[in-house]
Amino acid sequence: MRTDFYPSRVGSEAKLIKREDPVIHNRGKFDGPLNASDLDAYEENGFLMLNDVFSEDEVDIMAEQLKRTLENAKGEKSDTVVTEPEGDEVRSIFEVHKNNDFFSKLASNEHIVKAARQLLGSDVYINQSRINFKPGFSGKEFYWHSDFETWHVEDGMPKPRAVSCSIILTDNYEYNGPLMLIPGSHNWFVSCPGETPENNYEQSLQKQELGIPDKESLTQLFEKAGKRIETATGKAGMVLFFESNTMHGSAGNISPLPRSNAFFVFNSIQNQLEEPFSNASKRPEFLANREGIKPIDPQPTFEKEKVTT
């Protein structure tokens, strides 16, 4: 019988559980773009924002591909295309590293893959990929949550040894619903009340209501952070790495400017998914990759003439 070090959705009360697993694994094992200060900041805060990862030309290519991908997804009836809860505007497109040549190439970009290997101390693979859209005036919020809570309970991710890489594809301002993060929150796991019903993902992708922290736990994390919340604002092309257990969320977008980010979740090859830590069935492959797992071979930065869709 497995020991569950991060139980959640098993009772009626929430509680904070101190993280026992390391944040930085096997420091120094892999070479990459992150220096000692970068690693220290990630270990302390649970996230790291990097500028100048991509050139202006590459940012232009990403903007072009984003527009094309969104246009192709509009009106599409597919499990991988999620719309806003109160409308037909696209909220998320999943599994883009498998279904789109450009984003497949981007997922193996040597800069971000090598950085992920430095953080996780092992070879990595893509556990999940998606593009999140927040259309101007109508983009809804993503409530506070830890990704690891869902990945652990519903997908069977054993340990918080995964990192999300968010590539900003449109300028993120304070007013168009940027990601918000609580520094240091990755050091505490919020065990949430409730019970996971079958096919919970069908509802939670539009609006998550299970596996979200209670107000008291959120307040404690906020106070432990010195009453700080950081926002991931910056120009298109900025890259944000955040730890799988970092508490994060975003407000709705009532500005005229859309906000879009590409997400690649890198998981350690030594942390592959098991049976879910709940009584629910496994979520679909497009949310939790289990098939054909192999380490990513980092590739040189993409070139425009080689990109196809």
Protein backbone atom coordinates (compact mmCIF):
# COMPACT_ATOMS: atom_id res chain seq x y z
CA MET A 1 0.00 0.00 0.00
CA ARG A 2 1.32 3.44 -0.94
CA THR A 3 2.04 6.06 1.68
CA ASP A 4 0.41 9.35 0.75
CA PHE A 5 2.55 12.17 2.08
CA TYR A 6 0.23 14.80 0.61
CA PRO A 7 -3.34 13.67 1.36
CA SER A 8 -6.13 15.92 0.09
CA ARG A 9 -9.89 15.67 -0.47
CA VAL A 10 -10.09 12.98 2.19
CA GLY A 11 -11.98 14.85 4.92
CA SER A 12 -14.09 17.83 5.75
CA GLU A 13 -11.36 20.19 6.98
CA ALA A 14 -8.40 21.90 5.34
CA LYS A 15 -4.92 21.90 6.81
CA LEU A 16 -1.38 22.96 5.97
CA ILE A 17 1.22 20.20 5.54
CA LYS A 18 4.92 21.12 5.65
CA ARG A 19 6.74 20.16 2.49
CA GLU A 20 9.42 17.52 3.07
CA ASP A 21 10.68 17.16 -0.51
CA PRO A 22 13.51 19.35 -1.79
CA VAL A 23 12.74 22.23 -4.15
CA ILE A 24 16.02 22.14 -6.09
CA HIS A 25 17.04 18.58 -6.89
CA ASN A 26 20.66 17.50 -7.42
CA ARG A 27 21.98 21.04 -7.65
CA GLY A 28 24.89 21.22 -10.10
CA LYS A 29 24.14 17.92 -11.85
CA PHE A 30 23.08 19.59 -15.10
CA ASP A 31 24.54 22.56 -16.95
CA GLY A 32 22.14 25.23 -18.13
CA PRO A 33 21.26 28.92 -18.29
CA LEU A 34 20.43 29.35 -14.59
CA ASN A 35 23.14 30.65 -12.27
CA ALA A 36 23.42 30.15 -8.51
CA SER A 37 21.40 33.31 -7.79
CA ASP A 38 18.60 32.12 -10.07
CA LEU A 39 18.47 28.76 -8.32
CA ASP A 40 18.50 30.42 -4.90
CA ALA A 41 15.62 32.72 -5.86
CA TYR A 42 13.56 29.82 -7.19
CA GLU A 43 14.25 27.76 -4.09
CA GLU A 44 13.18 30.61 -1.80
CA ASN A 45 10.18 31.98 -3.70
CA GLY A 46 8.93 29.01 -5.71
CA PHE A 47 9.18 30.87 -9.01
CA LEU A 48 11.64 32.67 -11.29
CA MET A 49 11.01 35.24 -14.03
CA LEU A 50 13.49 35.52 -16.89
CA ASN A 51 13.73 38.25 -19.53
CA ASP A 52 15.55 38.18 -22.86
CA VAL A 53 15.14 34.44 -23.36
CA PHE A 54 13.80 34.96 -26.88
CA SER A 55 14.83 37.48 -29.53
CA GLU A 56 12.43 40.04 -30.98
CA ASP A 57 12.18 37.97 -34.17
CA GLU A 58 11.25 34.88 -32.15
CA VAL A 59 8.64 36.85 -30.21
CA ASP A 60 7.12 37.98 -33.53
CA ILE A 61 6.97 34.35 -34.70
CA MET A 62 5.27 33.30 -31.45
CA ALA A 63 2.68 36.07 -31.82
CA GLU A 64 1.95 34.96 -35.38
CA GLN A 65 1.62 31.32 -34.36
CA LEU A 66 -0.58 32.23 -31.38
CA LYS A 67 -2.99 34.11 -33.63
CA ARG A 68 -3.11 31.23 -36.11
CA THR A 69 -3.66 28.63 -33.38
CA LEU A 70 -6.50 30.61 -31.83
CA GLU A 71 -8.22 31.12 -35.17
CA ASN A 72 -8.00 27.39 -35.93
CA ALA A 73 -9.48 26.53 -32.53
CA LYS A 74 -12.52 28.81 -32.73
CA GLY A 75 -15.68 26.78 -33.12
CA GLU A 76 -13.79 23.49 -32.87
CA LYS A 77 -15.55 20.72 -30.98
CA SER A 78 -12.74 18.95 -29.16
CA ASP A 79 -11.88 17.85 -25.62
CA THR A 80 -8.60 19.75 -25.93
CA VAL A 81 -10.33 23.09 -26.61
CA VAL A 82 -11.94 24.60 -23.51
CA THR A 83 -14.20 27.64 -23.74
CA GLU A 84 -15.09 30.28 -21.17
CA PRO A 85 -17.77 29.17 -18.67
CA GLU A 86 -20.22 31.79 -19.92
CA GLY A 87 -19.59 31.97 -23.64
CA ASP A 88 -17.87 30.38 -26.59
CA GLU A 89 -14.55 32.25 -26.48
CA VAL A 90 -11.53 29.97 -26.18
CA ARG A 91 -10.14 29.71 -22.62
CA SER A 92 -7.48 27.01 -23.08
CA ILE A 93 -6.06 24.73 -25.75
CA PHE A 94 -4.40 21.58 -24.39
CA GLU A 95 -1.79 19.14 -25.71
CA VAL A 96 -0.26 21.73 -28.04
CA HIS A 97 3.14 20.01 -27.84
CA LYS A 98 1.60 17.03 -29.66
CA ASN A 99 -0.91 18.67 -31.98
CA ASN A 100 1.00 21.69 -33.26
CA ASP A 101 4.41 21.57 -34.96
CA PHE A 102 5.42 25.02 -33.77
CA PHE A 103 4.61 24.45 -30.12
CA SER A 104 6.19 21.00 -30.29
CA LYS A 105 9.40 22.72 -31.34
CA LEU A 106 9.02 25.36 -28.65
CA ALA A 107 8.53 22.68 -25.96
CA SER A 108 12.00 21.30 -26.71
CA ASN A 109 13.74 24.70 -26.81
CA GLU A 110 17.19 24.15 -25.34
CA HIS A 111 17.07 27.16 -23.02
CA ILE A 112 13.87 26.19 -21.21
CA VAL A 113 14.52 22.43 -21.21
CA LYS A 114 18.00 22.84 -19.78
CA ALA A 115 16.65 25.21 -17.13
CA ALA A 116 13.97 22.65 -16.19
CA ARG A 117 16.65 19.96 -15.86
CA GLN A 118 18.65 22.22 -13.56
CA LEU A 119 15.61 22.72 -11.33
CA LEU A 120 14.46 19.09 -11.26
CA GLY A 121 17.91 17.47 -11.26
CA SER A 122 17.01 14.89 -13.90
CA ASP A 123 15.92 14.45 -17.47
CA VAL A 124 12.42 15.79 -18.06
CA TYR A 125 9.33 15.15 -20.16
CA ILE A 126 6.14 17.10 -20.85
CA ASN A 127 3.41 16.13 -18.40
CA GLN A 128 0.93 18.66 -19.80
CA SER A 129 0.92 21.54 -22.27
CA ARG A 130 -1.61 24.24 -22.98
CA ILE A 131 -2.20 27.79 -24.10
CA ASN A 132 -4.29 29.94 -21.78
CA PHE A 133 -6.23 32.83 -23.29
CA LYS A 134 -7.89 35.73 -21.51
CA PRO A 135 -9.82 37.74 -24.05
CA GLY A 136 -10.24 41.44 -23.39
CA PHE A 137 -13.33 42.46 -21.38
CA SER A 138 -14.51 38.87 -20.80
CA GLY A 139 -11.60 36.64 -19.71
CA LYS A 140 -12.58 34.95 -16.44
CA GLU A 141 -10.41 34.43 -13.38
CA PHE A 142 -8.43 31.35 -12.37
CA TYR A 143 -8.94 31.00 -8.61
CA TRP A 144 -6.05 30.37 -6.22
CA HIS A 145 -4.71 26.82 -6.42
CA SER A 146 -1.65 24.60 -6.32
CA ASP A 147 -1.26 22.58 -9.52
CA PHE A 148 0.35 19.75 -7.58
CA GLU A 149 -2.80 19.25 -5.51
CA THR A 150 -4.76 18.34 -8.64
CA TRP A 151 -1.92 16.47 -10.32
CA HIS A 152 -1.39 14.41 -7.15
CA VAL A 153 -5.01 13.64 -6.31
CA GLU A 154 -6.46 13.26 -9.81
CA ASP A 155 -3.41 12.15 -11.85
CA GLY A 156 -1.20 10.28 -9.39
CA MET A 157 1.89 12.50 -9.51
CA PRO A 158 3.88 11.11 -6.56
CA LYS A 159 5.99 14.13 -5.55
CA PRO A 160 6.11 17.87 -6.24
CA ARG A 161 9.04 17.39 -8.60
CA ALA A 162 7.61 19.24 -11.59
CA VAL A 163 7.87 22.79 -12.87
CA SER A 164 5.58 24.88 -15.05
CA CYS A 165 7.20 27.00 -17.73
CA SER A 166 4.95 29.87 -18.76
CA ILE A 167 5.99 31.76 -21.88
CA ILE A 168 4.28 35.12 -22.12
CA LEU A 169 2.91 35.44 -25.66
CA THR A 170 1.25 38.84 -25.23
CA ASP A 171 2.35 41.70 -23.01
CA ASN A 172 1.13 41.06 -19.45
CA TYR A 173 0.14 44.16 -17.51
CA GLU A 174 -1.17 44.65 -13.98
CA TYR A 175 -4.62 45.26 -15.43
CA ASN A 176 -5.20 42.42 -17.92
CA GLY A 177 -5.31 39.50 -15.51
CA PRO A 178 -1.66 38.45 -15.08
CA LEU A 179 -0.66 35.44 -13.02
CA MET A 180 -0.31 36.15 -9.29
CA LEU A 181 1.93 34.06 -7.02
CA ILE A 182 2.44 33.84 -3.25
CA PRO A 183 6.20 33.71 -2.54
CA GLY A 184 7.27 30.75 -0.42
CA SER A 185 3.89 29.05 -0.62
CA HIS A 186 5.50 26.03 -2.32
CA ASN A 187 6.87 25.04 1.09
CA TRP A 188 3.37 24.19 2.35
CA PHE A 189 0.82 21.80 0.87
CA VAL A 190 -2.79 22.79 1.40
CA SER A 191 -4.86 19.69 2.05
CA CYS A 192 -8.32 20.56 0.76
CA PRO A 193 -11.71 19.22 1.91
CA GLY A 194 -14.16 17.41 -0.32
CA GLU A 195 -14.27 14.31 -2.48
CA THR A 196 -13.40 13.99 -6.16
CA PRO A 197 -16.33 12.93 -8.37
CA GLU A 198 -15.89 11.08 -11.63
CA ASN A 199 -14.89 13.27 -14.59
CA ASN A 200 -14.37 16.26 -12.35
CA TYR A 201 -12.06 17.74 -15.00
CA GLU A 202 -15.00 18.41 -17.35
CA GLN A 203 -16.21 21.12 -15.02
CA SER A 204 -12.95 22.18 -13.37
CA LEU A 205 -11.26 23.22 -16.62
CA GLN A 206 -13.81 26.00 -16.94
CA LYS A 207 -14.13 26.81 -13.24
CA GLN A 208 -12.26 24.95 -10.52
CA GLU A 209 -14.30 24.38 -7.38
CA LEU A 210 -12.55 21.35 -5.83
CA GLY A 211 -8.95 21.31 -4.69
CA ILE A 212 -8.91 25.03 -4.01
CA PRO A 213 -7.56 26.35 -0.71
CA ASP A 214 -9.78 27.71 2.03
CA LYS A 215 -9.58 31.35 3.02
CA GLU A 216 -7.80 30.65 6.31
CA SER A 217 -5.02 28.65 4.62
CA LEU A 218 -4.61 31.32 1.96
CA THR A 219 -4.36 34.00 4.63
CA GLN A 220 -1.70 32.00 6.46
CA LEU A 221 0.35 31.57 3.27
CA PHE A 222 -0.02 35.29 2.55
CA GLU A 223 1.20 36.19 6.04
CA LYS A 224 4.10 33.71 5.84
CA ALA A 225 5.10 35.53 2.62
CA GLY A 226 5.34 38.81 4.50
CA LYS A 227 1.95 39.82 3.11
CA ARG A 228 3.30 39.81 -0.44
CA ILE A 229 1.77 38.72 -3.72
CA GLU A 230 3.90 38.92 -6.87
CA THR A 231 2.48 39.44 -10.35
CA ALA A 232 4.07 37.98 -13.49
CA THR A 233 4.00 41.10 -15.63
CA GLY A 234 6.30 41.75 -18.54
CA LYS A 235 6.76 41.92 -22.27
CA ALA A 236 5.92 39.12 -24.66
CA GLY A 237 8.75 36.60 -24.64
CA MET A 238 9.35 36.69 -20.89
CA VAL A 239 9.54 33.25 -19.30
CA LEU A 240 8.20 32.31 -15.86
CA PHE A 241 9.17 29.08 -14.13
CA PHE A 242 7.05 28.21 -11.12
CA GLU A 243 7.15 25.20 -8.82
CA SER A 244 4.31 22.71 -9.03
CA ASN A 245 3.14 23.44 -5.47
CA THR A 246 3.33 27.25 -5.66
CA MET A 247 0.00 28.87 -4.85
CA HIS A 248 -1.11 30.97 -7.80
CA GLY A 249 -4.17 32.39 -9.53
CA SER A 250 -5.29 35.30 -11.65
CA ALA A 251 -8.09 37.84 -11.71
CA GLY A 252 -10.51 38.35 -14.57
CA ASN A 253 -9.58 40.55 -17.50
CA ILE A 254 -11.88 43.54 -17.90
CA SER A 255 -9.31 45.55 -19.87
CA PRO A 256 -9.38 45.84 -23.68
CA LEU A 257 -6.10 43.90 -23.96
CA PRO A 258 -6.08 40.08 -24.26
CA ARG A 259 -3.58 38.03 -22.25
CA SER A 260 -2.14 34.77 -23.52
CA ASN A 261 0.53 32.43 -22.17
CA ALA A 262 1.91 29.09 -23.33
CA PHE A 263 2.43 26.52 -20.55
CA PHE A 264 4.73 23.53 -20.65
CA VAL A 265 4.73 21.40 -17.51
CA PHE A 266 8.07 19.64 -17.19
CA ASN A 267 8.04 16.61 -14.91
CA SER A 268 11.06 14.66 -13.73
CA ILE A 269 11.49 11.39 -15.58
CA GLN A 270 11.81 9.93 -12.07
CA ASN A 271 8.38 11.26 -11.03
CA GLN A 272 6.08 9.67 -13.61
CA LEU A 273 2.38 9.38 -12.90
CA GLU A 274 0.97 6.48 -10.92
CA GLU A 275 -2.62 5.66 -10.00
CA PRO A 276 -4.52 8.76 -8.77
CA PHE A 277 -4.37 9.39 -5.01
CA SER A 278 -8.16 9.32 -4.91
CA ASN A 279 -10.97 6.99 -5.85
CA ALA A 280 -11.53 8.72 -9.17
CA SER A 281 -10.46 7.40 -12.57
CA LYS A 282 -7.38 8.71 -14.36
CA ARG A 283 -7.85 11.95 -16.24
CA PRO A 284 -7.44 11.84 -20.04
CA GLU A 285 -4.05 11.79 -21.74
CA PHE A 286 -4.36 15.39 -22.93
CA LEU A 287 -4.32 16.51 -19.27
CA ALA A 288 -1.86 13.99 -17.85
CA ASN A 289 0.65 12.42 -20.22
CA ARG A 290 1.34 8.74 -19.58
CA GLU A 291 2.01 7.35 -23.05
CA GLY A 292 5.32 7.24 -24.87
CA ILE A 293 7.24 8.93 -22.06
CA LYS A 294 10.86 9.68 -22.94
CA PRO A 295 13.35 12.40 -21.98
CA ILE A 296 13.28 15.56 -24.08
CA ASP A 297 16.36 16.15 -26.20
CA PRO A 298 16.98 19.92 -26.03
CA GLN A 299 16.98 21.55 -29.46
CA PRO A 300 18.45 24.82 -30.73
CA THR A 301 16.20 27.86 -30.85
CA PHE A 302 13.66 27.60 -33.65
CA GLU A 303 14.21 29.36 -36.96
CA LYS A 304 11.40 30.99 -38.91
CA GLU A 305 12.01 29.18 -42.19
CA LYS A 306 11.88 25.80 -40.43
CA VAL A 307 8.59 26.38 -38.60
CA THR A 308 5.44 24.85 -40.05
CA THR A 309 1.95 24.31 -38.71
